[in-house]
């Protein structure tokens, strides 16, 4: 599943950051659950996201 692959890649990127603070911030920004991701994806797909 693409979601899982992307989460793994982002996790590896976050782990590669030198600063512990940066690693923590990166992981916090990218901890979206699959359910939240799918809900947001459907909103975009249906054109119901406001800019």
PDB file of N, CA and C in Angstrom:
ATOM      1  N   UNK A   1       0.849  -1.171   0.000  1.00  0.00           N
ATOM      2  CA  UNK A   1       0.000   0.000   0.000  1.00  0.00           C
ATOM      3  C   UNK A   1       0.900   1.240   0.000  1.00  0.00           C
ATOM      4  N   UNK A   2       0.560   2.198  -0.821  1.00  0.00           N
ATOM      5  CA  UNK A   2       1.373   3.412  -0.964  1.00  0.00           C
ATOM      6  C   UNK A   2       1.501   4.185   0.342  1.00  0.00           C
ATOM      7  N   UNK A   3       0.433   4.213   1.131  1.00  0.00           N
ATOM      8  CA  UNK A   3       0.475   4.921   2.413  1.00  0.00           C
ATOM      9  C   UNK A   3       1.597   4.363   3.285  1.00  0.00           C
ATOM     10  N   UNK A   4       1.668   3.043   3.397  1.00  0.00           N
ATOM     11  CA  UNK A   4       2.685   2.406   4.235  1.00  0.00           C
ATOM     12  C   UNK A   4       4.098   2.666   3.712  1.00  0.00           C
ATOM     13  N   UNK A   5       4.254   2.600   2.408  1.00  0.00           N
ATOM     14  CA  UNK A   5       5.571   2.851   1.810  1.00  0.00           C
ATOM     15  C   UNK A   5       6.011   4.276   2.115  1.00  0.00           C
ATOM     16  N   UNK A   6       5.087   5.215   1.949  1.00  0.00           N
ATOM     17  CA  UNK A   6       5.423   6.613   2.227  1.00  0.00           C
ATOM     18  C   UNK A   6       5.743   6.815   3.707  1.00  0.00           C
ATOM     19  N   UNK A   7       4.983   6.204   4.584  1.00  0.00           N
ATOM     20  CA  UNK A   7       5.249   6.346   6.022  1.00  0.00           C
ATOM     21  C   UNK A   7       6.643   5.812   6.357  1.00  0.00           C
ATOM     22  N   UNK A   8       7.020   4.691   5.752  1.00  0.00           N
ATOM     23  CA  UNK A   8       8.356   4.125   5.985  1.00  0.00           C
ATOM     24  C   UNK A   8       9.451   5.074   5.503  1.00  0.00           C
ATOM     25  N   UNK A   9       9.240   5.661   4.326  1.00  0.00           N
ATOM     26  CA  UNK A   9      10.242   6.587   3.771  1.00  0.00           C
ATOM     27  C   UNK A   9      10.367   7.840   4.627  1.00  0.00           C
ATOM     28  N   UNK A  10       9.245   8.374   5.049  1.00  0.00           N
ATOM     29  CA  UNK A  10       9.270   9.571   5.892  1.00  0.00           C
ATOM     30  C   UNK A  10       9.923   9.244   7.229  1.00  0.00           C
ATOM     31  N   UNK A  11       9.612   8.085   7.782  1.00  0.00           N
ATOM     32  CA  UNK A  11      10.223   7.667   9.037  1.00  0.00           C
ATOM     33  C   UNK A  11      11.734   7.564   8.918  1.00  0.00           C
ATOM     34  N   UNK A  12      12.203   7.004   7.818  1.00  0.00           N
ATOM     35  CA  UNK A  12      13.650   6.887   7.591  1.00  0.00           C
ATOM     36  C   UNK A  12      14.275   8.268   7.455  1.00  0.00           C
ATOM     37  N   UNK A  13      13.583   9.158   6.754  1.00  0.00           N
ATOM     38  CA  UNK A  13      14.091  10.525   6.613  1.00  0.00           C
ATOM     39  C   UNK A  13      14.180  11.191   7.992  1.00  0.00           C
ATOM     40  N   UNK A  14      13.111  11.092   8.773  1.00  0.00           N
ATOM     41  CA  UNK A  14      13.115  11.710  10.108  1.00  0.00           C
ATOM     42  C   UNK A  14      14.260  11.153  10.954  1.00  0.00           C
ATOM     43  N   UNK A  15      14.469   9.844  10.892  1.00  0.00           N
ATOM     44  CA  UNK A  15      15.540   9.217  11.667  1.00  0.00           C
ATOM     45  C   UNK A  15      16.915   9.687  11.222  1.00  0.00           C
ATOM     46  N   UNK A  16      17.040  10.147   9.976  1.00  0.00           N
ATOM     47  CA  UNK A  16      18.344  10.571   9.469  1.00  0.00           C
ATOM     48  C   UNK A  16      18.719  11.991   9.903  1.00  0.00           C
ATOM     49  N   UNK A  17      17.775  12.731  10.443  1.00  0.00           N
ATOM     50  CA  UNK A  17      18.064  14.104  10.867  1.00  0.00           C
ATOM     51  C   UNK A  17      19.003  14.089  12.062  1.00  0.00           C
ATOM     52  N   UNK A  18      19.920  15.030  12.097  1.00  0.00           N
ATOM     53  CA  UNK A  18      20.951  15.038  13.137  1.00  0.00           C
ATOM     54  C   UNK A  18      20.438  15.504  14.488  1.00  0.00           C
ATOM     55  N   UNK A  19      19.596  16.489  14.482  1.00  0.00           N
ATOM     56  CA  UNK A  19      19.101  17.058  15.724  1.00  0.00           C
ATOM     57  C   UNK A  19      17.942  16.230  16.284  1.00  0.00           C
ATOM     58  N   UNK A  20      18.008  15.917  17.557  1.00  0.00           N
ATOM     59  CA  UNK A  20      16.924  15.179  18.202  1.00  0.00           C
ATOM     60  C   UNK A  20      15.613  15.958  18.120  1.00  0.00           C
ATOM     61  N   UNK A  21      15.700  17.271  18.270  1.00  0.00           N
ATOM     62  CA  UNK A  21      14.514  18.125  18.172  1.00  0.00           C
ATOM     63  C   UNK A  21      13.914  18.052  16.778  1.00  0.00           C
ATOM     64  N   UNK A  22      14.761  18.097  15.758  1.00  0.00           N
ATOM     65  CA  UNK A  22      14.276  17.997  14.379  1.00  0.00           C
ATOM     66  C   UNK A  22      13.643  16.640  14.114  1.00  0.00           C
ATOM     67  N   UNK A  23      14.260  15.566  14.625  1.00  0.00           N
ATOM     68  CA  UNK A  23      13.698  14.221  14.440  1.00  0.00           C
ATOM     69  C   UNK A  23      12.318  14.135  15.084  1.00  0.00           C
ATOM     70  N   UNK A  24      12.194  14.645  16.287  1.00  0.00           N
ATOM     71  CA  UNK A  24      10.918  14.605  17.000  1.00  0.00           C
ATOM     72  C   UNK A  24       9.860  15.408  16.244  1.00  0.00           C
ATOM     73  N   UNK A  25      10.205  16.615  15.815  1.00  0.00           N
ATOM     74  CA  UNK A  25       9.260  17.464  15.086  1.00  0.00           C
ATOM     75  C   UNK A  25       8.817  16.805  13.787  1.00  0.00           C
ATOM     76  N   UNK A  26       9.759  16.215  13.088  1.00  0.00           N
ATOM     77  CA  UNK A  26       9.465  15.534  11.823  1.00  0.00           C
ATOM     78  C   UNK A  26       8.468  14.393  12.056  1.00  0.00           C
ATOM     79  N   UNK A  27       8.720  13.605  13.067  1.00  0.00           N
ATOM     80  CA  UNK A  27       7.836  12.473  13.359  1.00  0.00           C
ATOM     81  C   UNK A  27       6.447  12.941  13.791  1.00  0.00           C
ATOM     82  N   UNK A  28       6.392  14.029  14.542  1.00  0.00           N
ATOM     83  CA  UNK A  28       5.098  14.560  14.964  1.00  0.00           C
ATOM     84  C   UNK A  28       4.284  15.051  13.773  1.00  0.00           C
ATOM     85  N   UNK A  29       4.936  15.702  12.826  1.00  0.00           N
ATOM     86  CA  UNK A  29       4.241  16.222  11.637  1.00  0.00           C
ATOM     87  C   UNK A  29       3.732  15.101  10.750  1.00  0.00           C
ATOM     88  N   UNK A  30       4.346  13.954  10.823  1.00  0.00           N
ATOM     89  CA  UNK A  30       4.047  12.880   9.883  1.00  0.00           C
ATOM     90  C   UNK A  30       3.435  11.655  10.543  1.00  0.00           C
ATOM     91  N   UNK A  31       2.681  11.855  11.596  1.00  0.00           N
ATOM     92  CA  UNK A  31       2.070  10.707  12.265  1.00  0.00           C
ATOM     93  C   UNK A  31       0.568  10.606  11.994  1.00  0.00           C
ATOM     94  N   UNK A  32       0.158  10.993  10.826  1.00  0.00           N
ATOM     95  CA  UNK A  32      -1.239  10.921  10.434  1.00  0.00           C
ATOM     96  C   UNK A  32      -1.678   9.464  10.335  1.00  0.00           C
ATOM     97  N   UNK A  33      -2.797   9.140  10.958  1.00  0.00           N
ATOM     98  CA  UNK A  33      -3.312   7.783  10.857  1.00  0.00           C
ATOM     99  C   UNK A  33      -3.830   7.528   9.442  1.00  0.00           C
ATOM    100  N   UNK A  34      -3.941   6.281   9.088  1.00  0.00           N
ATOM    101  CA  UNK A  34      -4.445   5.952   7.757  1.00  0.00           C
ATOM    102  C   UNK A  34      -5.870   6.472   7.584  1.00  0.00           C
ATOM    103  N   UNK A  35      -6.670   6.397   8.628  1.00  0.00           N
ATOM    104  CA  UNK A  35      -8.051   6.866   8.546  1.00  0.00           C
ATOM    105  C   UNK A  35      -8.112   8.365   8.273  1.00  0.00           C
ATOM    106  N   UNK A  36      -7.272   9.134   8.953  1.00  0.00           N
ATOM    107  CA  UNK A  36      -7.221  10.586   8.717  1.00  0.00           C
ATOM    108  C   UNK A  36      -6.710  10.882   7.312  1.00  0.00           C
ATOM    109  N   UNK A  37      -5.688  10.156   6.902  1.00  0.00           N
ATOM    110  CA  UNK A  37      -5.132  10.318   5.560  1.00  0.00           C
ATOM    111  C   UNK A  37      -6.213  10.049   4.508  1.00  0.00           C
ATOM    112  N   UNK A  38      -6.930   8.960   4.667  1.00  0.00           N
ATOM    113  CA  UNK A  38      -7.946   8.578   3.684  1.00  0.00           C
ATOM    114  C   UNK A  38      -9.092   9.590   3.656  1.00  0.00           C
ATOM    115  N   UNK A  39      -9.503  10.082   4.805  1.00  0.00           N
ATOM    116  CA  UNK A  39     -10.559  11.097   4.871  1.00  0.00           C
ATOM    117  C   UNK A  39     -10.112  12.369   4.142  1.00  0.00           C
ATOM    118  N   UNK A  40      -8.886  12.808   4.392  1.00  0.00           N
ATOM    119  CA  UNK A  40      -8.367  13.997   3.722  1.00  0.00           C
ATOM    120  C   UNK A  40      -8.211  13.768   2.222  1.00  0.00           C
ATOM    121  N   UNK A  41      -7.778  12.578   1.840  1.00  0.00           N
ATOM    122  CA  UNK A  41      -7.619  12.243   0.430  1.00  0.00           C
ATOM    123  C   UNK A  41      -8.965  12.281  -0.295  1.00  0.00           C
ATOM    124  N   UNK A  42      -9.991  11.775   0.348  1.00  0.00           N
ATOM    125  CA  UNK A  42     -11.324  11.785  -0.263  1.00  0.00           C
ATOM    126  C   UNK A  42     -11.846  13.218  -0.416  1.00  0.00           C
ATOM    127  N   UNK A  43     -11.551  14.065   0.553  1.00  0.00           N
ATOM    128  CA  UNK A  43     -11.967  15.469   0.447  1.00  0.00           C
ATOM    129  C   UNK A  43     -11.326  16.132  -0.767  1.00  0.00           C
ATOM    130  N   UNK A  44     -10.032  15.892  -0.944  1.00  0.00           N
ATOM    131  CA  UNK A  44      -9.320  16.460  -2.084  1.00  0.00           C
ATOM    132  C   UNK A  44      -9.875  15.884  -3.380  1.00  0.00           C
ATOM    133  N   UNK A  45     -10.065  14.591  -3.382  1.00  0.00           N
ATOM    134  CA  UNK A  45     -10.564  13.906  -4.579  1.00  0.00           C
ATOM    135  C   UNK A  45     -11.947  14.435  -4.983  1.00  0.00           C
ATOM    136  N   UNK A  46     -12.777  14.739  -4.004  1.00  0.00           N
ATOM    137  CA  UNK A  46     -14.129  15.213  -4.265  1.00  0.00           C
ATOM    138  C   UNK A  46     -14.199  16.724  -4.444  1.00  0.00           C
ATOM    139  N   UNK A  47     -13.075  17.396  -4.301  1.00  0.00           N
ATOM    140  CA  UNK A  47     -13.019  18.838  -4.508  1.00  0.00           C
ATOM    141  C   UNK A  47     -13.639  19.644  -3.380  1.00  0.00           C
ATOM    142  N   UNK A  48     -13.700  19.070  -2.178  1.00  0.00           N
ATOM    143  CA  UNK A  48     -14.326  19.796  -1.075  1.00  0.00           C
ATOM    144  C   UNK A  48     -13.318  20.471  -0.148  1.00  0.00           C
ATOM    145  N   UNK A  49     -12.081  20.599  -0.582  1.00  0.00           N
ATOM    146  CA  UNK A  49     -11.054  21.267   0.211  1.00  0.00           C
ATOM    147  C   UNK A  49     -10.999  22.730  -0.223  1.00  0.00           C
ATOM    148  N   UNK A  50     -11.050  23.618   0.765  1.00  0.00           N
ATOM    149  CA  UNK A  50     -10.968  25.045   0.469  1.00  0.00           C
ATOM    150  C   UNK A  50      -9.512  25.472   0.517  1.00  0.00           C
ATOM    151  N   UNK A  51      -9.176  26.422  -0.354  1.00  0.00           N
ATOM    152  CA  UNK A  51      -7.811  26.945  -0.366  1.00  0.00           C
ATOM    153  C   UNK A  51      -7.731  28.197   0.461  1.00  0.00           C
TER     154      UNK A  51
END
